[in-house]
Amino acid sequence: MERVPYTDDGLEAIIFTAQGDMRQALNNLQSTFSGFGFINSENVFKVCDEPHPLLVKEMIQHCVNANIDEAYKVGLLPPVLAEEPLTSWAEESGSPSDSCSLVASGLLTRRYHWQHLSSV
């Protein structure tokens, strides 16, 4: 039997990313161990190409507070999008909080599996 070093948050991340699919959980576990040799939440989310739910939550909180610059600093947006001028989005939508909504509801949905946010 192979011994796999892990943390409790790593196992929780495996469960979270598998979304109830045991085959996916085993695949995520194997991929994380092969890539990093250690199962923790940071490694699991890297292998599964999903943002850590706590980072998503932090970014959303900045959006709720209309602090768009801080939302971008969380680092979840692709580099190309992060370089786009925020003022143009704010001017088109009427307010900074609306521009953050555009980012959160449209761009991140396709790239970062937004559906996981509701279970955080």
N, C-alpha and C. Protein backbone atom coordinates (compact mmCIF):
# COMPACT_ATOMS: atom_id res chain seq x y z
N MET A 1 0.85 -1.19 0.00
CA MET A 1 0.00 0.00 0.00
C MET A 1 0.89 1.24 0.00
N GLU A 2 0.60 2.15 -0.89
CA GLU A 2 1.38 3.38 -1.01
C GLU A 2 0.93 4.38 0.05
N ARG A 3 1.89 5.00 0.71
CA ARG A 3 1.58 6.02 1.71
C ARG A 3 1.61 7.38 1.04
N VAL A 4 0.50 8.11 1.14
CA VAL A 4 0.38 9.42 0.52
C VAL A 4 0.27 10.46 1.63
N PRO A 5 1.24 11.37 1.73
CA PRO A 5 1.14 12.41 2.75
C PRO A 5 0.05 13.42 2.37
N TYR A 6 -0.74 13.81 3.37
CA TYR A 6 -1.86 14.72 3.10
C TYR A 6 -2.18 15.56 4.33
N THR A 7 -2.92 16.61 4.08
CA THR A 7 -3.49 17.41 5.16
C THR A 7 -5.01 17.29 5.05
N ASP A 8 -5.70 17.63 6.13
CA ASP A 8 -7.16 17.56 6.11
C ASP A 8 -7.75 18.50 5.05
N ASP A 9 -7.16 19.71 4.93
CA ASP A 9 -7.68 20.64 3.91
C ASP A 9 -7.42 20.11 2.50
N GLY A 10 -6.39 19.30 2.33
CA GLY A 10 -6.14 18.68 1.04
C GLY A 10 -7.22 17.68 0.67
N LEU A 11 -7.64 16.88 1.64
CA LEU A 11 -8.72 15.92 1.38
C LEU A 11 -10.04 16.65 1.11
N GLU A 12 -10.28 17.74 1.84
CA GLU A 12 -11.48 18.54 1.59
C GLU A 12 -11.46 19.11 0.18
N ALA A 13 -10.29 19.53 -0.28
CA ALA A 13 -10.17 20.08 -1.63
C ALA A 13 -10.42 18.99 -2.68
N ILE A 14 -9.97 17.78 -2.42
CA ILE A 14 -10.23 16.66 -3.33
C ILE A 14 -11.74 16.44 -3.44
N ILE A 15 -12.42 16.43 -2.32
CA ILE A 15 -13.88 16.24 -2.31
C ILE A 15 -14.57 17.39 -3.04
N PHE A 16 -14.15 18.60 -2.77
CA PHE A 16 -14.75 19.79 -3.37
C PHE A 16 -14.60 19.78 -4.89
N THR A 17 -13.40 19.49 -5.38
CA THR A 17 -13.16 19.54 -6.82
C THR A 17 -13.80 18.37 -7.56
N ALA A 18 -14.05 17.27 -6.88
CA ALA A 18 -14.64 16.10 -7.53
C ALA A 18 -16.15 16.24 -7.71
N GLN A 19 -16.78 17.10 -6.95
CA GLN A 19 -18.22 17.34 -7.06
C GLN A 19 -19.03 16.05 -7.00
N GLY A 20 -18.67 15.16 -6.11
CA GLY A 20 -19.43 13.93 -5.90
C GLY A 20 -19.06 12.78 -6.83
N ASP A 21 -18.12 12.96 -7.71
CA ASP A 21 -17.72 11.92 -8.67
C ASP A 21 -16.47 11.21 -8.13
N MET A 22 -16.64 9.96 -7.71
CA MET A 22 -15.54 9.21 -7.11
C MET A 22 -14.38 9.03 -8.08
N ARG A 23 -14.68 8.79 -9.35
CA ARG A 23 -13.60 8.63 -10.34
C ARG A 23 -12.79 9.91 -10.45
N GLN A 24 -13.49 11.05 -10.44
CA GLN A 24 -12.80 12.33 -10.51
C GLN A 24 -11.97 12.57 -9.25
N ALA A 25 -12.49 12.17 -8.10
CA ALA A 25 -11.74 12.32 -6.84
C ALA A 25 -10.44 11.52 -6.89
N LEU A 26 -10.51 10.30 -7.36
CA LEU A 26 -9.31 9.47 -7.46
C LEU A 26 -8.32 10.05 -8.47
N ASN A 27 -8.85 10.54 -9.58
CA ASN A 27 -7.98 11.15 -10.60
C ASN A 27 -7.29 12.39 -10.03
N ASN A 28 -8.05 13.24 -9.33
CA ASN A 28 -7.47 14.45 -8.73
C ASN A 28 -6.42 14.09 -7.69
N LEU A 29 -6.70 13.08 -6.90
CA LEU A 29 -5.75 12.62 -5.88
C LEU A 29 -4.46 12.12 -6.53
N GLN A 30 -4.60 11.28 -7.53
CA GLN A 30 -3.44 10.73 -8.21
C GLN A 30 -2.63 11.82 -8.91
N SER A 31 -3.32 12.73 -9.58
CA SER A 31 -2.63 13.81 -10.29
C SER A 31 -1.88 14.73 -9.33
N THR A 32 -2.52 15.04 -8.21
CA THR A 32 -1.88 15.91 -7.23
C THR A 32 -0.66 15.24 -6.63
N PHE A 33 -0.79 13.97 -6.29
CA PHE A 33 0.36 13.25 -5.72
C PHE A 33 1.49 13.13 -6.74
N SER A 34 1.15 12.83 -7.98
CA SER A 34 2.18 12.70 -9.02
C SER A 34 2.89 14.03 -9.26
N GLY A 35 2.14 15.12 -9.22
CA GLY A 35 2.73 16.42 -9.50
C GLY A 35 3.49 17.04 -8.36
N PHE A 36 3.02 16.82 -7.13
CA PHE A 36 3.60 17.51 -5.97
C PHE A 36 4.12 16.57 -4.88
N GLY A 37 3.64 15.33 -4.84
CA GLY A 37 4.07 14.41 -3.80
C GLY A 37 3.46 14.68 -2.44
N PHE A 38 2.52 15.61 -2.38
CA PHE A 38 1.89 15.99 -1.12
C PHE A 38 0.49 16.53 -1.43
N ILE A 39 -0.50 16.09 -0.66
CA ILE A 39 -1.89 16.49 -0.89
C ILE A 39 -2.26 17.58 0.12
N ASN A 40 -2.31 18.82 -0.35
CA ASN A 40 -2.87 19.91 0.43
C ASN A 40 -3.77 20.73 -0.49
N SER A 41 -4.55 21.64 0.06
CA SER A 41 -5.54 22.35 -0.76
C SER A 41 -4.88 23.16 -1.87
N GLU A 42 -3.77 23.80 -1.58
CA GLU A 42 -3.09 24.61 -2.60
C GLU A 42 -2.69 23.75 -3.80
N ASN A 43 -2.10 22.60 -3.54
CA ASN A 43 -1.67 21.71 -4.62
C ASN A 43 -2.85 21.16 -5.41
N VAL A 44 -3.92 20.78 -4.71
CA VAL A 44 -5.09 20.22 -5.39
C VAL A 44 -5.70 21.25 -6.33
N PHE A 45 -5.89 22.48 -5.85
CA PHE A 45 -6.50 23.50 -6.70
C PHE A 45 -5.60 23.87 -7.88
N LYS A 46 -4.30 23.80 -7.71
CA LYS A 46 -3.39 24.04 -8.83
C LYS A 46 -3.55 22.96 -9.90
N VAL A 47 -3.53 21.72 -9.47
CA VAL A 47 -3.64 20.60 -10.41
C VAL A 47 -4.99 20.62 -11.14
N CYS A 48 -6.03 20.96 -10.42
CA CYS A 48 -7.38 20.95 -11.00
C CYS A 48 -7.70 22.24 -11.75
N ASP A 49 -6.76 23.17 -11.77
CA ASP A 49 -6.93 24.45 -12.46
C ASP A 49 -8.19 25.17 -12.01
N GLU A 50 -8.38 25.22 -10.71
CA GLU A 50 -9.50 25.94 -10.11
C GLU A 50 -8.93 26.89 -9.06
N PRO A 51 -9.53 28.06 -8.94
CA PRO A 51 -9.06 28.98 -7.91
C PRO A 51 -9.48 28.48 -6.54
N HIS A 52 -8.71 28.79 -5.55
CA HIS A 52 -9.08 28.42 -4.19
C HIS A 52 -10.35 29.18 -3.83
N PRO A 53 -11.35 28.50 -3.28
CA PRO A 53 -12.61 29.17 -2.94
C PRO A 53 -12.44 30.38 -2.02
N LEU A 54 -11.45 30.35 -1.15
CA LEU A 54 -11.25 31.50 -0.27
C LEU A 54 -10.76 32.72 -1.05
N LEU A 55 -9.99 32.49 -2.13
CA LEU A 55 -9.57 33.61 -2.97
C LEU A 55 -10.75 34.18 -3.75
N VAL A 56 -11.62 33.30 -4.22
CA VAL A 56 -12.82 33.76 -4.92
C VAL A 56 -13.69 34.58 -3.98
N LYS A 57 -13.85 34.08 -2.77
CA LYS A 57 -14.66 34.79 -1.78
C LYS A 57 -14.06 36.17 -1.48
N GLU A 58 -12.75 36.23 -1.36
CA GLU A 58 -12.08 37.50 -1.10
C GLU A 58 -12.29 38.47 -2.26
N MET A 59 -12.17 37.97 -3.49
CA MET A 59 -12.37 38.83 -4.64
C MET A 59 -13.80 39.36 -4.69
N ILE A 60 -14.77 38.50 -4.43
CA ILE A 60 -16.18 38.92 -4.44
C ILE A 60 -16.43 39.96 -3.35
N GLN A 61 -15.83 39.78 -2.20
CA GLN A 61 -16.01 40.76 -1.13
C GLN A 61 -15.48 42.13 -1.54
N HIS A 62 -14.34 42.15 -2.24
CA HIS A 62 -13.82 43.42 -2.74
C HIS A 62 -14.79 44.04 -3.75
N CYS A 63 -15.41 43.20 -4.58
CA CYS A 63 -16.40 43.70 -5.54
C CYS A 63 -17.61 44.28 -4.83
N VAL A 64 -18.08 43.59 -3.82
CA VAL A 64 -19.23 44.09 -3.05
C VAL A 64 -18.91 45.45 -2.44
N ASN A 65 -17.68 45.62 -2.02
CA ASN A 65 -17.25 46.89 -1.42
C ASN A 65 -16.83 47.92 -2.47
N ALA A 66 -17.05 47.60 -3.77
CA ALA A 66 -16.71 48.48 -4.89
C ALA A 66 -15.22 48.83 -4.90
N ASN A 67 -14.38 47.89 -4.48
CA ASN A 67 -12.93 48.10 -4.47
C ASN A 67 -12.32 47.23 -5.57
N ILE A 68 -12.45 47.69 -6.80
CA ILE A 68 -12.07 46.89 -7.96
C ILE A 68 -10.57 46.63 -8.02
N ASP A 69 -9.79 47.64 -7.68
CA ASP A 69 -8.33 47.45 -7.73
C ASP A 69 -7.90 46.32 -6.81
N GLU A 70 -8.46 46.25 -5.63
CA GLU A 70 -8.13 45.16 -4.70
C GLU A 70 -8.64 43.82 -5.21
N ALA A 71 -9.78 43.81 -5.89
CA ALA A 71 -10.31 42.57 -6.47
C ALA A 71 -9.33 42.02 -7.50
N TYR A 72 -8.74 42.90 -8.31
CA TYR A 72 -7.76 42.46 -9.29
C TYR A 72 -6.48 41.97 -8.64
N LYS A 73 -6.12 42.54 -7.51
CA LYS A 73 -4.88 42.14 -6.83
C LYS A 73 -4.95 40.72 -6.27
N VAL A 74 -6.15 40.18 -6.10
CA VAL A 74 -6.29 38.82 -5.60
C VAL A 74 -5.61 37.85 -6.56
N GLY A 75 -5.58 38.19 -7.85
CA GLY A 75 -4.81 37.41 -8.81
C GLY A 75 -5.56 36.31 -9.52
N LEU A 76 -6.88 36.36 -9.55
CA LEU A 76 -7.64 35.31 -10.22
C LEU A 76 -7.90 35.60 -11.69
N LEU A 77 -7.72 36.83 -12.10
CA LEU A 77 -7.97 37.17 -13.50
C LEU A 77 -6.77 36.83 -14.35
N PRO A 78 -7.02 36.35 -15.57
CA PRO A 78 -5.90 36.10 -16.49
C PRO A 78 -5.13 37.39 -16.73
N PRO A 79 -3.83 37.30 -16.99
CA PRO A 79 -3.01 38.51 -17.16
C PRO A 79 -3.54 39.48 -18.21
N VAL A 80 -4.07 38.98 -19.31
CA VAL A 80 -4.57 39.87 -20.35
C VAL A 80 -5.71 40.72 -19.82
N LEU A 81 -6.61 40.10 -19.06
CA LEU A 81 -7.75 40.85 -18.51
C LEU A 81 -7.30 41.83 -17.44
N ALA A 82 -6.33 41.45 -16.68
CA ALA A 82 -5.85 42.32 -15.61
C ALA A 82 -5.22 43.59 -16.18
N GLU A 83 -4.77 43.54 -17.43
CA GLU A 83 -4.15 44.71 -18.05
C GLU A 83 -5.18 45.65 -18.66
N GLU A 84 -6.43 45.20 -18.82
CA GLU A 84 -7.47 46.05 -19.40
C GLU A 84 -7.75 47.22 -18.46
N PRO A 85 -7.99 48.41 -19.01
CA PRO A 85 -8.28 49.55 -18.16
C PRO A 85 -9.63 49.40 -17.47
N LEU A 86 -9.63 49.51 -16.17
CA LEU A 86 -10.87 49.37 -15.40
C LEU A 86 -11.80 50.55 -15.62
N THR A 87 -11.26 51.71 -15.88
CA THR A 87 -12.10 52.90 -16.00
C THR A 87 -13.06 52.78 -17.17
N SER A 88 -12.67 52.12 -18.26
CA SER A 88 -13.58 52.01 -19.40
C SER A 88 -14.79 51.16 -19.03
N TRP A 89 -14.61 50.09 -18.26
CA TRP A 89 -15.74 49.28 -17.83
C TRP A 89 -16.64 50.07 -16.90
N ALA A 90 -16.05 50.82 -16.00
CA ALA A 90 -16.83 51.60 -15.06
C ALA A 90 -17.63 52.68 -15.79
N GLU A 91 -17.02 53.32 -16.78
CA GLU A 91 -17.72 54.36 -17.53
C GLU A 91 -18.88 53.78 -18.32
N GLU A 92 -18.69 52.61 -18.93
CA GLU A 92 -19.74 52.00 -19.72
C GLU A 92 -20.91 51.55 -18.86
N SER A 93 -20.64 51.03 -17.68
CA SER A 93 -21.70 50.48 -16.85
C SER A 93 -22.29 51.49 -15.89
N GLY A 94 -21.58 52.57 -15.62
CA GLY A 94 -22.12 53.60 -14.77
C GLY A 94 -21.52 53.67 -13.38
N SER A 95 -20.97 52.56 -12.88
CA SER A 95 -20.36 52.60 -11.55
C SER A 95 -19.32 51.52 -11.42
N PRO A 96 -18.36 51.71 -10.50
CA PRO A 96 -17.32 50.69 -10.31
C PRO A 96 -17.89 49.34 -9.88
N SER A 97 -18.94 49.33 -9.07
CA SER A 97 -19.48 48.05 -8.63
C SER A 97 -20.11 47.30 -9.79
N ASP A 98 -20.71 48.02 -10.76
CA ASP A 98 -21.26 47.37 -11.94
C ASP A 98 -20.15 46.75 -12.78
N SER A 99 -19.03 47.43 -12.88
CA SER A 99 -17.94 46.87 -13.68
C SER A 99 -17.40 45.61 -13.04
N CYS A 100 -17.36 45.59 -11.72
CA CYS A 100 -16.92 44.38 -11.03
C CYS A 100 -17.92 43.25 -11.27
N SER A 101 -19.20 43.57 -11.33
CA SER A 101 -20.20 42.55 -11.62
C SER A 101 -19.99 41.96 -13.00
N LEU A 102 -19.62 42.81 -13.98
CA LEU A 102 -19.34 42.31 -15.32
C LEU A 102 -18.20 41.30 -15.28
N VAL A 103 -17.17 41.63 -14.55
CA VAL A 103 -16.03 40.72 -14.44
C VAL A 103 -16.45 39.43 -13.78
N ALA A 104 -17.13 39.54 -12.63
CA ALA A 104 -17.48 38.35 -11.86
C ALA A 104 -18.47 37.47 -12.59
N SER A 105 -19.51 38.04 -13.16
CA SER A 105 -20.56 37.20 -13.74
C SER A 105 -20.21 36.70 -15.14
N GLY A 106 -19.44 37.44 -15.91
CA GLY A 106 -19.19 37.04 -17.28
C GLY A 106 -17.87 36.36 -17.50
N LEU A 107 -16.79 37.04 -17.22
CA LEU A 107 -15.47 36.54 -17.59
C LEU A 107 -15.02 35.40 -16.70
N LEU A 108 -15.24 35.51 -15.40
CA LEU A 108 -14.77 34.45 -14.51
C LEU A 108 -15.62 33.20 -14.61
N THR A 109 -16.88 33.33 -14.98
CA THR A 109 -17.74 32.17 -15.07
C THR A 109 -17.16 31.15 -16.03
N ARG A 110 -16.79 31.59 -17.20
CA ARG A 110 -16.29 30.64 -18.20
C ARG A 110 -14.92 30.10 -17.83
N ARG A 111 -14.06 30.91 -17.26
CA ARG A 111 -12.68 30.49 -17.04
C ARG A 111 -12.48 29.74 -15.74
N TYR A 112 -13.22 30.06 -14.73
CA TYR A 112 -12.87 29.54 -13.41
C TYR A 112 -13.98 28.77 -12.70
N HIS A 113 -14.87 28.18 -13.43
CA HIS A 113 -15.86 27.27 -12.83
C HIS A 113 -16.62 27.96 -11.69
N TRP A 114 -17.23 29.06 -12.02
CA TRP A 114 -17.89 29.93 -11.05
C TRP A 114 -18.93 29.19 -10.20
N GLN A 115 -19.48 28.07 -10.71
CA GLN A 115 -20.54 27.38 -9.99
C GLN A 115 -20.12 26.91 -8.61
N HIS A 116 -18.82 26.81 -8.35
CA HIS A 116 -18.35 26.35 -7.04
C HIS A 116 -18.54 27.39 -5.95
N LEU A 117 -18.70 28.64 -6.34
CA LEU A 117 -18.80 29.70 -5.34
C LEU A 117 -19.97 29.50 -4.40
N SER A 118 -21.10 28.99 -4.92
CA SER A 118 -22.29 28.85 -4.08
C SER A 118 -22.08 27.83 -2.96
N SER A 119 -21.14 26.94 -3.09
CA SER A 119 -20.93 25.95 -2.04
C SER A 119 -19.83 26.34 -1.06
N VAL A 120 -19.30 27.57 -1.18
CA VAL A 120 -18.26 28.03 -0.27
C VAL A 120 -18.89 28.54 1.00
